[in-house]
Amino acid sequence: MEIGLIFSSEDPKQKEARDSVKKYIDNSGVLAEYSEYDKTVHSPTLIIDGLALSEKRKIKREAQNSMYPACSDMLKFLEQHIWCL
């Protein structure tokens, strides 16, 4: 399994999501090649075996402070793929 994460360490929410993904991978015991890329991005992108979970909107919603994908979204995406192995 190949897992990649693109995130911005300048954003505390994205850094927290990165830490949660890394911890989940470490604790799950799944054999995976993990790589991460620290770039200035508006929201993180999680890539598992070529499938990406990322924000698709070009214009941010004004009243929304939450990040997509949220940490919980990324962990669900990981769990679904691990159970498919």
C-alpha atoms as a PDB file:
ATOM      1  CA  MET A   1       0.000   0.000   0.000  1.00  0.00           C
ATOM      2  CA  GLU A   2       1.291   3.456  -0.890  1.00  0.00           C
ATOM      3  CA  ILE A   3       0.130   6.391   1.200  1.00  0.00           C
ATOM      4  CA  GLY A   4       0.996  10.000   0.475  1.00  0.00           C
ATOM      5  CA  LEU A   5       0.023  13.192   2.242  1.00  0.00           C
ATOM      6  CA  ILE A   6       0.330  16.750   0.986  1.00  0.00           C
ATOM      7  CA  PHE A   7      -0.129  19.281   3.780  1.00  0.00           C
ATOM      8  CA  SER A   8       1.053  22.642   5.088  1.00  0.00           C
ATOM      9  CA  SER A   9       2.893  22.599   8.402  1.00  0.00           C
ATOM     10  CA  GLU A  10       2.153  26.331   8.669  1.00  0.00           C
ATOM     11  CA  ASP A  11      -1.527  25.502   9.295  1.00  0.00           C
ATOM     12  CA  PRO A  12      -2.114  24.009  12.785  1.00  0.00           C
ATOM     13  CA  LYS A  13      -5.198  22.068  11.595  1.00  0.00           C
ATOM     14  CA  GLN A  14      -3.259  20.462   8.757  1.00  0.00           C
ATOM     15  CA  LYS A  15      -0.323  19.680  11.055  1.00  0.00           C
ATOM     16  CA  GLU A  16      -2.705  17.999  13.502  1.00  0.00           C
ATOM     17  CA  ALA A  17      -4.230  15.993  10.648  1.00  0.00           C
ATOM     18  CA  ARG A  18      -0.727  14.957   9.510  1.00  0.00           C
ATOM     19  CA  ASP A  19       0.140  13.803  13.023  1.00  0.00           C
ATOM     20  CA  SER A  20      -3.114  11.817  13.271  1.00  0.00           C
ATOM     21  CA  VAL A  21      -2.565  10.096   9.915  1.00  0.00           C
ATOM     22  CA  LYS A  22       1.023   9.205  10.811  1.00  0.00           C
ATOM     23  CA  LYS A  23      -0.047   7.877  14.225  1.00  0.00           C
ATOM     24  CA  TYR A  24      -2.860   5.820  12.649  1.00  0.00           C
ATOM     25  CA  ILE A  25      -0.464   4.235  10.167  1.00  0.00           C
ATOM     26  CA  ASP A  26       2.078   3.464  12.892  1.00  0.00           C
ATOM     27  CA  ASN A  27      -0.556   1.953  15.211  1.00  0.00           C
ATOM     28  CA  SER A  28      -2.417  -0.031  12.548  1.00  0.00           C
ATOM     29  CA  GLY A  29       0.544  -2.247  11.706  1.00  0.00           C
ATOM     30  CA  VAL A  30      -0.244  -2.061   8.004  1.00  0.00           C
ATOM     31  CA  LEU A  31       2.697  -2.417   5.658  1.00  0.00           C
ATOM     32  CA  ALA A  32       2.711   0.825   3.742  1.00  0.00           C
ATOM     33  CA  GLU A  33       5.151   3.068   1.978  1.00  0.00           C
ATOM     34  CA  TYR A  34       4.409   6.485   3.461  1.00  0.00           C
ATOM     35  CA  SER A  35       5.566   9.773   2.001  1.00  0.00           C
ATOM     36  CA  GLU A  36       4.604  13.312   2.845  1.00  0.00           C
ATOM     37  CA  TYR A  37       5.075  16.653   1.172  1.00  0.00           C
ATOM     38  CA  ASP A  38       5.039  19.888   3.130  1.00  0.00           C
ATOM     39  CA  LYS A  39       3.771  22.628   0.802  1.00  0.00           C
ATOM     40  CA  THR A  40       1.730  25.764   1.194  1.00  0.00           C
ATOM     41  CA  VAL A  41      -1.759  24.448   0.406  1.00  0.00           C
ATOM     42  CA  HIS A  42      -5.246  25.529   1.527  1.00  0.00           C
ATOM     43  CA  SER A  43      -6.266  21.996   2.498  1.00  0.00           C
ATOM     44  CA  PRO A  44      -4.512  18.631   2.780  1.00  0.00           C
ATOM     45  CA  THR A  45      -4.647  15.842   0.228  1.00  0.00           C
ATOM     46  CA  LEU A  46      -4.421  12.187   1.237  1.00  0.00           C
ATOM     47  CA  ILE A  47      -3.486   9.753  -1.529  1.00  0.00           C
ATOM     48  CA  ILE A  48      -3.827   5.984  -1.090  1.00  0.00           C
ATOM     49  CA  ASP A  49      -2.740   3.764  -3.966  1.00  0.00           C
ATOM     50  CA  GLY A  50      -3.452   6.556  -6.435  1.00  0.00           C
ATOM     51  CA  LEU A  51      -6.880   7.511  -5.046  1.00  0.00           C
ATOM     52  CA  ALA A  52      -7.011  11.036  -3.637  1.00  0.00           C
ATOM     53  CA  LEU A  53      -9.163  12.541  -0.931  1.00  0.00           C
ATOM     54  CA  SER A  54      -8.969  16.304  -1.343  1.00  0.00           C
ATOM     55  CA  GLU A  55     -10.877  19.549  -1.498  1.00  0.00           C
ATOM     56  CA  LYS A  56     -12.414  20.059  -4.941  1.00  0.00           C
ATOM     57  CA  ARG A  57     -13.891  23.527  -4.503  1.00  0.00           C
ATOM     58  CA  LYS A  58     -12.012  26.392  -6.128  1.00  0.00           C
ATOM     59  CA  ILE A  59     -13.720  29.067  -4.028  1.00  0.00           C
ATOM     60  CA  LYS A  60     -13.851  28.625  -0.269  1.00  0.00           C
ATOM     61  CA  ARG A  61     -17.206  28.861   1.479  1.00  0.00           C
ATOM     62  CA  GLU A  62     -17.294  32.120   3.396  1.00  0.00           C
ATOM     63  CA  ALA A  63     -18.959  30.899   6.592  1.00  0.00           C
ATOM     64  CA  GLN A  64     -17.051  27.616   6.839  1.00  0.00           C
ATOM     65  CA  ASN A  65     -14.049  27.462   9.134  1.00  0.00           C
ATOM     66  CA  SER A  66     -13.625  23.701   9.000  1.00  0.00           C
ATOM     67  CA  MET A  67     -11.034  22.069   6.787  1.00  0.00           C
ATOM     68  CA  TYR A  68     -11.869  19.411   4.215  1.00  0.00           C
ATOM     69  CA  PRO A  69     -10.846  16.729   4.346  1.00  0.00           C
ATOM     70  CA  ALA A  70     -10.968  16.857   8.126  1.00  0.00           C
ATOM     71  CA  CYS A  71      -8.805  14.599  10.241  1.00  0.00           C
ATOM     72  CA  SER A  72     -11.752  12.238  10.796  1.00  0.00           C
ATOM     73  CA  ASP A  73     -12.389  12.048   7.027  1.00  0.00           C
ATOM     74  CA  MET A  74      -8.780  11.050   6.384  1.00  0.00           C
ATOM     75  CA  LEU A  75      -8.787   8.382   9.098  1.00  0.00           C
ATOM     76  CA  LYS A  76     -12.027   6.890   7.713  1.00  0.00           C
ATOM     77  CA  PHE A  77     -10.494   6.855   4.216  1.00  0.00           C
ATOM     78  CA  LEU A  78      -7.433   5.025   5.584  1.00  0.00           C
ATOM     79  CA  GLU A  79      -9.532   2.529   7.517  1.00  0.00           C
ATOM     80  CA  GLN A  80     -11.676   1.707   4.492  1.00  0.00           C
ATOM     81  CA  HIS A  81      -8.595   0.982   2.383  1.00  0.00           C
ATOM     82  CA  ILE A  82      -6.877  -1.067   5.062  1.00  0.00           C
ATOM     83  CA  TRP A  83      -9.951  -3.302   5.419  1.00  0.00           C
ATOM     84  CA  CYS A  84     -10.030  -3.800   1.642  1.00  0.00           C
ATOM     85  CA  LEU A  85      -6.580  -5.404   1.670  1.00  0.00           C
END
